[in-house]
Amino acid sequence: MKPTVDILDSLLREADPLAAHEGVTRATLIERGLHCAVADSKSAAPFKLRRASVEGKGLQPELRNASWDQLLDLIYEGRG
């Protein structure tokens, strides 16, 4: 396949000497980069939120119907 892509001139100016130094073509260098990007995305484990609940029965009865603003006021009370 021969896709057409736009690549920053500054990046190509850095990549061309690297390709020459390694004795490969610009296309080979780009292909290596794509292989690395795909491999990184496959090897990264998906984020999983750990269970961090605490024992209890939810909010205290007097706060069960509190608004978010009221809860924030209580959280930051005395902290400036």
PDB file of N, CA and C in Angstrom:
ATOM      1  N   MET A   1       0.853  -1.170   0.000  1.00  0.00           N
ATOM      2  CA  MET A   1       0.000   0.000   0.000  1.00  0.00           C
ATOM      3  C   MET A   1       0.898   1.232   0.000  1.00  0.00           C
ATOM      4  N   LYS A   2       0.480   2.257  -0.693  1.00  0.00           N
ATOM      5  CA  LYS A   2       1.254   3.490  -0.762  1.00  0.00           C
ATOM      6  C   LYS A   2       0.390   4.660  -0.304  1.00  0.00           C
ATOM      7  N   PRO A   3       0.235   4.821   1.003  1.00  0.00           N
ATOM      8  CA  PRO A   3      -0.575   5.949   1.489  1.00  0.00           C
ATOM      9  C   PRO A   3       0.199   7.261   1.382  1.00  0.00           C
ATOM     10  N   THR A   4      -0.532   8.330   1.300  1.00  0.00           N
ATOM     11  CA  THR A   4       0.069   9.664   1.310  1.00  0.00           C
ATOM     12  C   THR A   4      -0.212  10.285   2.667  1.00  0.00           C
ATOM     13  N   VAL A   5       0.831  10.731   3.333  1.00  0.00           N
ATOM     14  CA  VAL A   5       0.671  11.345   4.654  1.00  0.00           C
ATOM     15  C   VAL A   5       1.454  12.652   4.697  1.00  0.00           C
ATOM     16  N   ASP A   6       0.993  13.561   5.538  1.00  0.00           N
ATOM     17  CA  ASP A   6       1.722  14.805   5.780  1.00  0.00           C
ATOM     18  C   ASP A   6       2.576  14.627   7.019  1.00  0.00           C
ATOM     19  N   ILE A   7       3.850  14.933   6.889  1.00  0.00           N
ATOM     20  CA  ILE A   7       4.790  14.837   8.006  1.00  0.00           C
ATOM     21  C   ILE A   7       5.501  16.172   8.122  1.00  0.00           C
ATOM     22  N   LEU A   8       5.660  16.642   9.330  1.00  0.00           N
ATOM     23  CA  LEU A   8       6.325  17.924   9.551  1.00  0.00           C
ATOM     24  C   LEU A   8       7.715  17.925   8.927  1.00  0.00           C
ATOM     25  N   ASP A   9       8.034  19.019   8.251  1.00  0.00           N
ATOM     26  CA  ASP A   9       9.355  19.144   7.639  1.00  0.00           C
ATOM     27  C   ASP A   9      10.466  19.005   8.673  1.00  0.00           C
ATOM     28  N   SER A  10      10.255  19.586   9.838  1.00  0.00           N
ATOM     29  CA  SER A  10      11.281  19.525  10.885  1.00  0.00           C
ATOM     30  C   SER A  10      11.535  18.084  11.329  1.00  0.00           C
ATOM     31  N   LEU A  11      10.465  17.274  11.370  1.00  0.00           N
ATOM     32  CA  LEU A  11      10.633  15.872  11.754  1.00  0.00           C
ATOM     33  C   LEU A  11      11.386  15.104  10.672  1.00  0.00           C
ATOM     34  N   LEU A  12      11.072  15.386   9.422  1.00  0.00           N
ATOM     35  CA  LEU A  12      11.791  14.717   8.333  1.00  0.00           C
ATOM     36  C   LEU A  12      13.261  15.111   8.319  1.00  0.00           C
ATOM     37  N   ARG A  13      13.548  16.380   8.635  1.00  0.00           N
ATOM     38  CA  ARG A  13      14.953  16.817   8.677  1.00  0.00           C
ATOM     39  C   ARG A  13      15.730  16.057   9.750  1.00  0.00           C
ATOM     40  N   GLU A  14      15.057  15.688  10.823  1.00  0.00           N
ATOM     41  CA  GLU A  14      15.716  14.892  11.861  1.00  0.00           C
ATOM     42  C   GLU A  14      15.769  13.416  11.487  1.00  0.00           C
ATOM     43  N   ALA A  15      14.749  12.938  10.795  1.00  0.00           N
ATOM     44  CA  ALA A  15      14.653  11.511  10.484  1.00  0.00           C
ATOM     45  C   ALA A  15      15.585  11.093   9.354  1.00  0.00           C
ATOM     46  N   ASP A  16      15.767  11.951   8.364  1.00  0.00           N
ATOM     47  CA  ASP A  16      16.585  11.568   7.208  1.00  0.00           C
ATOM     48  C   ASP A  16      18.018  11.210   7.578  1.00  0.00           C
ATOM     49  N   PRO A  17      18.696  12.010   8.398  1.00  0.00           N
ATOM     50  CA  PRO A  17      20.061  11.597   8.795  1.00  0.00           C
ATOM     51  C   PRO A  17      20.074  10.294   9.594  1.00  0.00           C
ATOM     52  N   LEU A  18      19.036  10.074  10.388  1.00  0.00           N
ATOM     53  CA  LEU A  18      18.949   8.828  11.156  1.00  0.00           C
ATOM     54  C   LEU A  18      18.812   7.638  10.207  1.00  0.00           C
ATOM     55  N   ALA A  19      17.945   7.777   9.215  1.00  0.00           N
ATOM     56  CA  ALA A  19      17.775   6.699   8.235  1.00  0.00           C
ATOM     57  C   ALA A  19      19.084   6.434   7.505  1.00  0.00           C
ATOM     58  N   ALA A  20      19.773   7.504   7.109  1.00  0.00           N
ATOM     59  CA  ALA A  20      21.052   7.346   6.404  1.00  0.00           C
ATOM     60  C   ALA A  20      22.080   6.664   7.297  1.00  0.00           C
ATOM     61  N   HIS A  21      22.121   7.066   8.557  1.00  0.00           N
ATOM     62  CA  HIS A  21      23.066   6.478   9.510  1.00  0.00           C
ATOM     63  C   HIS A  21      22.810   4.983   9.692  1.00  0.00           C
ATOM     64  N   GLU A  22      21.525   4.610   9.723  1.00  0.00           N
ATOM     65  CA  GLU A  22      21.170   3.201   9.909  1.00  0.00           C
ATOM     66  C   GLU A  22      21.165   2.423   8.594  1.00  0.00           C
ATOM     67  N   GLY A  23      21.335   3.147   7.486  1.00  0.00           N
ATOM     68  CA  GLY A  23      21.373   2.478   6.190  1.00  0.00           C
ATOM     69  C   GLY A  23      20.029   1.967   5.722  1.00  0.00           C
ATOM     70  N   VAL A  24      18.966   2.676   6.115  1.00  0.00           N
ATOM     71  CA  VAL A  24      17.620   2.281   5.699  1.00  0.00           C
ATOM     72  C   VAL A  24      16.955   3.454   4.987  1.00  0.00           C
ATOM     73  N   THR A  25      15.853   3.168   4.336  1.00  0.00           N
ATOM     74  CA  THR A  25      15.117   4.231   3.656  1.00  0.00           C
ATOM     75  C   THR A  25      14.236   4.974   4.645  1.00  0.00           C
ATOM     76  N   ARG A  26      13.779   6.140   4.212  1.00  0.00           N
ATOM     77  CA  ARG A  26      12.831   6.916   5.017  1.00  0.00           C
ATOM     78  C   ARG A  26      11.574   6.084   5.273  1.00  0.00           C
ATOM     79  N   ALA A  27      11.109   5.369   4.250  1.00  0.00           N
ATOM     80  CA  ALA A  27       9.904   4.538   4.392  1.00  0.00           C
ATOM     81  C   ALA A  27      10.094   3.454   5.452  1.00  0.00           C
ATOM     82  N   THR A  28      11.272   2.858   5.478  1.00  0.00           N
ATOM     83  CA  THR A  28      11.552   1.825   6.481  1.00  0.00           C
ATOM     84  C   THR A  28      11.528   2.417   7.878  1.00  0.00           C
ATOM     85  N   LEU A  29      12.089   3.596   8.017  1.00  0.00           N
ATOM     86  CA  LEU A  29      12.097   4.259   9.321  1.00  0.00           C
ATOM     87  C   LEU A  29      10.667   4.573   9.776  1.00  0.00           C
ATOM     88  N   ILE A  30       9.839   5.047   8.850  1.00  0.00           N
ATOM     89  CA  ILE A  30       8.434   5.347   9.176  1.00  0.00           C
ATOM     90  C   ILE A  30       7.708   4.066   9.547  1.00  0.00           C
ATOM     91  N   GLU A  31       7.971   2.993   8.805  1.00  0.00           N
ATOM     92  CA  GLU A  31       7.334   1.711   9.095  1.00  0.00           C
ATOM     93  C   GLU A  31       7.719   1.209  10.484  1.00  0.00           C
ATOM     94  N   ARG A  32       8.983   1.366  10.847  1.00  0.00           N
ATOM     95  CA  ARG A  32       9.420   0.978  12.204  1.00  0.00           C
ATOM     96  C   ARG A  32       8.652   1.752  13.268  1.00  0.00           C
ATOM     97  N   GLY A  33       8.498   3.042  13.024  1.00  0.00           N
ATOM     98  CA  GLY A  33       7.755   3.861  13.981  1.00  0.00           C
ATOM     99  C   GLY A  33       6.315   3.403  14.142  1.00  0.00           C
ATOM    100  N   LEU A  34       5.684   3.050  13.022  1.00  0.00           N
ATOM    101  CA  LEU A  34       4.312   2.547  13.100  1.00  0.00           C
ATOM    102  C   LEU A  34       4.255   1.219  13.838  1.00  0.00           C
ATOM    103  N   HIS A  35       5.233   0.354  13.584  1.00  0.00           N
ATOM    104  CA  HIS A  35       5.277  -0.925  14.317  1.00  0.00           C
ATOM    105  C   HIS A  35       5.386  -0.681  15.820  1.00  0.00           C
ATOM    106  N   CYS A  36       6.231   0.260  16.217  1.00  0.00           N
ATOM    107  CA  CYS A  36       6.390   0.579  17.647  1.00  0.00           C
ATOM    108  C   CYS A  36       5.094   1.117  18.232  1.00  0.00           C
ATOM    109  N   ALA A  37       4.428   2.001  17.509  1.00  0.00           N
ATOM    110  CA  ALA A  37       3.190   2.587  18.012  1.00  0.00           C
ATOM    111  C   ALA A  37       2.108   1.522  18.188  1.00  0.00           C
ATOM    112  N   VAL A  38       1.991   0.627  17.218  1.00  0.00           N
ATOM    113  CA  VAL A  38       0.989  -0.437  17.309  1.00  0.00           C
ATOM    114  C   VAL A  38       1.333  -1.388  18.448  1.00  0.00           C
ATOM    115  N   ALA A  39       2.593  -1.764  18.578  1.00  0.00           N
ATOM    116  CA  ALA A  39       3.006  -2.678  19.651  1.00  0.00           C
ATOM    117  C   ALA A  39       2.758  -2.056  21.024  1.00  0.00           C
ATOM    118  N   ASP A  40       3.054  -0.761  21.165  1.00  0.00           N
ATOM    119  CA  ASP A  40       2.825  -0.088  22.449  1.00  0.00           C
ATOM    120  C   ASP A  40       1.348  -0.097  22.820  1.00  0.00           C
ATOM    121  N   SER A  41       0.488   0.126  21.837  1.00  0.00           N
ATOM    122  CA  SER A  41      -0.944   0.183  22.138  1.00  0.00           C
ATOM    123  C   SER A  41      -1.480  -1.190  22.512  1.00  0.00           C
ATOM    124  N   LYS A  42      -0.905  -2.251  21.959  1.00  0.00           N
ATOM    125  CA  LYS A  42      -1.354  -3.603  22.287  1.00  0.00           C
ATOM    126  C   LYS A  42      -0.853  -4.047  23.649  1.00  0.00           C
ATOM    127  N   SER A  43       0.353  -3.625  24.011  1.00  0.00           N
ATOM    128  CA  SER A  43       0.942  -4.099  25.259  1.00  0.00           C
ATOM    129  C   SER A  43       0.452  -3.329  26.476  1.00  0.00           C
ATOM    130  N   ALA A  44      -0.114  -2.151  26.256  1.00  0.00           N
ATOM    131  CA  ALA A  44      -0.591  -1.354  27.393  1.00  0.00           C
ATOM    132  C   ALA A  44      -1.865  -1.981  27.943  1.00  0.00           C
ATOM    133  N   ALA A  45      -1.850  -2.287  29.216  1.00  0.00           N
ATOM    134  CA  ALA A  45      -3.030  -2.863  29.850  1.00  0.00           C
ATOM    135  C   ALA A  45      -4.099  -1.782  29.996  1.00  0.00           C
ATOM    136  N   PRO A  46      -5.345  -2.123  29.767  1.00  0.00           N
ATOM    137  CA  PRO A  46      -6.398  -1.126  29.931  1.00  0.00           C
ATOM    138  C   PRO A  46      -6.492  -0.686  31.389  1.00  0.00           C
ATOM    139  N   PHE A  47      -6.852   0.563  31.588  1.00  0.00           N
ATOM    140  CA  PHE A  47      -6.964   1.086  32.945  1.00  0.00           C
ATOM    141  C   PHE A  47      -8.111   0.392  33.664  1.00  0.00           C
ATOM    142  N   LYS A  48      -7.854  -0.018  34.883  1.00  0.00           N
ATOM    143  CA  LYS A  48      -8.891  -0.643  35.696  1.00  0.00           C
ATOM    144  C   LYS A  48      -8.901   0.053  37.051  1.00  0.00           C
ATOM    145  N   LEU A  49     -10.003   0.643  37.378  1.00  0.00           N
ATOM    146  CA  LEU A  49     -10.144   1.342  38.646  1.00  0.00           C
ATOM    147  C   LEU A  49     -10.224   0.316  39.766  1.00  0.00           C
ATOM    148  N   ARG A  50      -9.345   0.453  40.727  1.00  0.00           N
ATOM    149  CA  ARG A  50      -9.351  -0.508  41.830  1.00  0.00           C
ATOM    150  C   ARG A  50     -10.523  -0.217  42.757  1.00  0.00           C
ATOM    151  N   ARG A  51     -10.985  -1.240  43.412  1.00  0.00           N
ATOM    152  CA  ARG A  51     -12.075  -1.082  44.364  1.00  0.00           C
ATOM    153  C   ARG A  51     -11.505  -0.395  45.601  1.00  0.00           C
ATOM    154  N   ALA A  52     -12.053   0.774  45.930  1.00  0.00           N
ATOM    155  CA  ALA A  52     -11.527   1.534  47.053  1.00  0.00           C
ATOM    156  C   ALA A  52     -12.636   1.967  47.996  1.00  0.00           C
ATOM    157  N   SER A  53     -13.685   1.182  48.045  1.00  0.00           N
ATOM    158  CA  SER A  53     -14.776   1.542  48.948  1.00  0.00           C
ATOM    159  C   SER A  53     -14.377   1.229  50.387  1.00  0.00           C
ATOM    160  N   VAL A  54     -15.042   1.864  51.297  1.00  0.00           N
ATOM    161  CA  VAL A  54     -14.788   1.637  52.724  1.00  0.00           C
ATOM    162  C   VAL A  54     -16.046   1.082  53.354  1.00  0.00           C
ATOM    163  N   GLU A  55     -15.860   0.448  54.464  1.00  0.00           N
ATOM    164  CA  GLU A  55     -17.017  -0.107  55.167  1.00  0.00           C
ATOM    165  C   GLU A  55     -17.951   1.022  55.587  1.00  0.00           C
ATOM    166  N   GLY A  56     -19.203   0.788  55.521  1.00  0.00           N
ATOM    167  CA  GLY A  56     -20.167   1.798  55.931  1.00  0.00           C
ATOM    168  C   GLY A  56     -21.464   1.644  55.172  1.00  0.00           C
ATOM    169  N   LYS A  57     -22.345   2.584  55.407  1.00  0.00           N
ATOM    170  CA  LYS A  57     -23.658   2.504  54.792  1.00  0.00           C
ATOM    171  C   LYS A  57     -23.948   3.747  53.968  1.00  0.00           C
ATOM    172  N   GLY A  58     -22.945   4.251  53.295  1.00  0.00           N
ATOM    173  CA  GLY A  58     -23.160   5.422  52.446  1.00  0.00           C
ATOM    174  C   GLY A  58     -23.030   6.716  53.222  1.00  0.00           C
ATOM    175  N   LEU A  59     -23.657   7.744  52.715  1.00  0.00           N
ATOM    176  CA  LEU A  59     -23.589   9.049  53.356  1.00  0.00           C
ATOM    177  C   LEU A  59     -24.293   9.057  54.703  1.00  0.00           C
ATOM    178  N   GLN A  60     -23.846   9.932  55.556  1.00  0.00           N
ATOM    179  CA  GLN A  60     -24.516  10.109  56.839  1.00  0.00           C
ATOM    180  C   GLN A  60     -25.938  10.601  56.557  1.00  0.00           C
ATOM    181  N   PRO A  61     -26.894  10.218  57.391  1.00  0.00           N
ATOM    182  CA  PRO A  61     -28.292  10.564  57.118  1.00  0.00           C
ATOM    183  C   PRO A  61     -28.522  12.053  56.848  1.00  0.00           C
ATOM    184  N   GLU A  62     -27.822  12.927  57.563  1.00  0.00           N
ATOM    185  CA  GLU A  62     -28.053  14.368  57.377  1.00  0.00           C
ATOM    186  C   GLU A  62     -27.491  14.895  56.051  1.00  0.00           C
ATOM    187  N   LEU A  63     -26.680  14.083  55.370  1.00  0.00           N
ATOM    188  CA  LEU A  63     -26.095  14.511  54.105  1.00  0.00           C
ATOM    189  C   LEU A  63     -26.695  13.809  52.880  1.00  0.00           C
ATOM    190  N   ARG A  64     -27.606  12.901  53.100  1.00  0.00           N
ATOM    191  CA  ARG A  64     -28.136  12.117  51.976  1.00  0.00           C
ATOM    192  C   ARG A  64     -28.812  12.981  50.919  1.00  0.00           C
ATOM    193  N   ASN A  65     -29.430  14.074  51.289  1.00  0.00           N
ATOM    194  CA  ASN A  65     -30.120  14.941  50.331  1.00  0.00           C
ATOM    195  C   ASN A  65     -29.352  16.234  50.069  1.00  0.00           C
ATOM    196  N   ALA A  66     -28.089  16.273  50.481  1.00  0.00           N
ATOM    197  CA  ALA A  66     -27.290  17.483  50.298  1.00  0.00           C
ATOM    198  C   ALA A  66     -26.917  17.651  48.822  1.00  0.00           C
ATOM    199  N   SER A  67     -26.804  18.910  48.411  1.00  0.00           N
ATOM    200  CA  SER A  67     -26.375  19.192  47.038  1.00  0.00           C
ATOM    201  C   SER A  67     -24.859  19.004  46.945  1.00  0.00           C
ATOM    202  N   TRP A  68     -24.381  18.947  45.712  1.00  0.00           N
ATOM    203  CA  TRP A  68     -22.937  18.820  45.490  1.00  0.00           C
ATOM    204  C   TRP A  68     -22.212  20.015  46.078  1.00  0.00           C
ATOM    205  N   ASP A  69     -22.773  21.213  45.924  1.00  0.00           N
ATOM    206  CA  ASP A  69     -22.149  22.420  46.481  1.00  0.00           C
ATOM    207  C   ASP A  69     -22.037  22.335  48.000  1.00  0.00           C
ATOM    208  N   GLN A  70     -23.070  21.817  48.651  1.00  0.00           N
ATOM    209  CA  GLN A  70     -23.029  21.669  50.109  1.00  0.00           C
ATOM    210  C   GLN A  70     -21.941  20.663  50.515  1.00  0.00           C
ATOM    211  N   LEU A  71     -21.839  19.578  49.767  1.00  0.00           N
ATOM    212  CA  LEU A  71     -20.810  18.587  50.075  1.00  0.00           C
ATOM    213  C   LEU A  71     -19.407  19.172  49.892  1.00  0.00           C
ATOM    214  N   LEU A  72     -19.208  19.943  48.808  1.00  0.00           N
ATOM    215  CA  LEU A  72     -17.905  20.572  48.593  1.00  0.00           C
ATOM    216  C   LEU A  72     -17.571  21.546  49.720  1.00  0.00           C
ATOM    217  N   ASP A  73     -18.558  22.325  50.150  1.00  0.00           N
ATOM    218  CA  ASP A  73     -18.339  23.259  51.265  1.00  0.00           C
ATOM    219  C   ASP A  73     -17.862  22.511  52.513  1.00  0.00           C
ATOM    220  N   LEU A  74     -18.488  21.360  52.797  1.00  0.00           N
ATOM    221  CA  LEU A  74     -18.100  20.572  53.961  1.00  0.00           C
ATOM    222  C   LEU A  74     -16.703  19.969  53.786  1.00  0.00           C
ATOM    223  N   ILE A  75     -16.404  19.506  52.595  1.00  0.00           N
ATOM    224  CA  ILE A  75     -15.085  18.899  52.333  1.00  0.00           C
ATOM    225  C   ILE A  75     -13.969  19.905  52.555  1.00  0.00           C
ATOM    226  N   TYR A  76     -14.172  21.136  52.065  1.00  0.00           N
ATOM    227  CA  TYR A  76     -13.108  22.138  52.121  1.00  0.00           C
ATOM    228  C   TYR A  76     -13.265  23.109  53.294  1.00  0.00           C
ATOM    229  N   GLU A  77     -14.159  22.821  54.196  1.00  0.00           N
ATOM    230  CA  GLU A  77     -14.373  23.690  55.348  1.00  0.00           C
ATOM    231  C   GLU A  77     -13.084  23.842  56.153  1.00  0.00           C
ATOM    232  N   GLY A  78     -12.709  25.099  56.420  1.00  0.00           N
ATOM    233  CA  GLY A  78     -11.512  25.385  57.202  1.00  0.00           C
ATOM    234  C   GLY A  78     -10.223  25.236  56.442  1.00  0.00           C
ATOM    235  N   ARG A  79     -10.263  25.072  55.149  1.00  0.00           N
ATOM    236  CA  ARG A  79      -9.043  24.897  54.350  1.00  0.00           C
ATOM    237  C   ARG A  79      -8.763  26.109  53.445  1.00  0.00           C
ATOM    238  N   GLY A  80      -9.325  27.231  53.749  1.00  0.00           N
ATOM    239  CA  GLY A  80      -9.030  28.439  52.980  1.00  0.00           C
ATOM    240  C   GLY A  80     -10.103  28.765  52.075  1.00  0.00           C
TER     241      GLY A  80
END
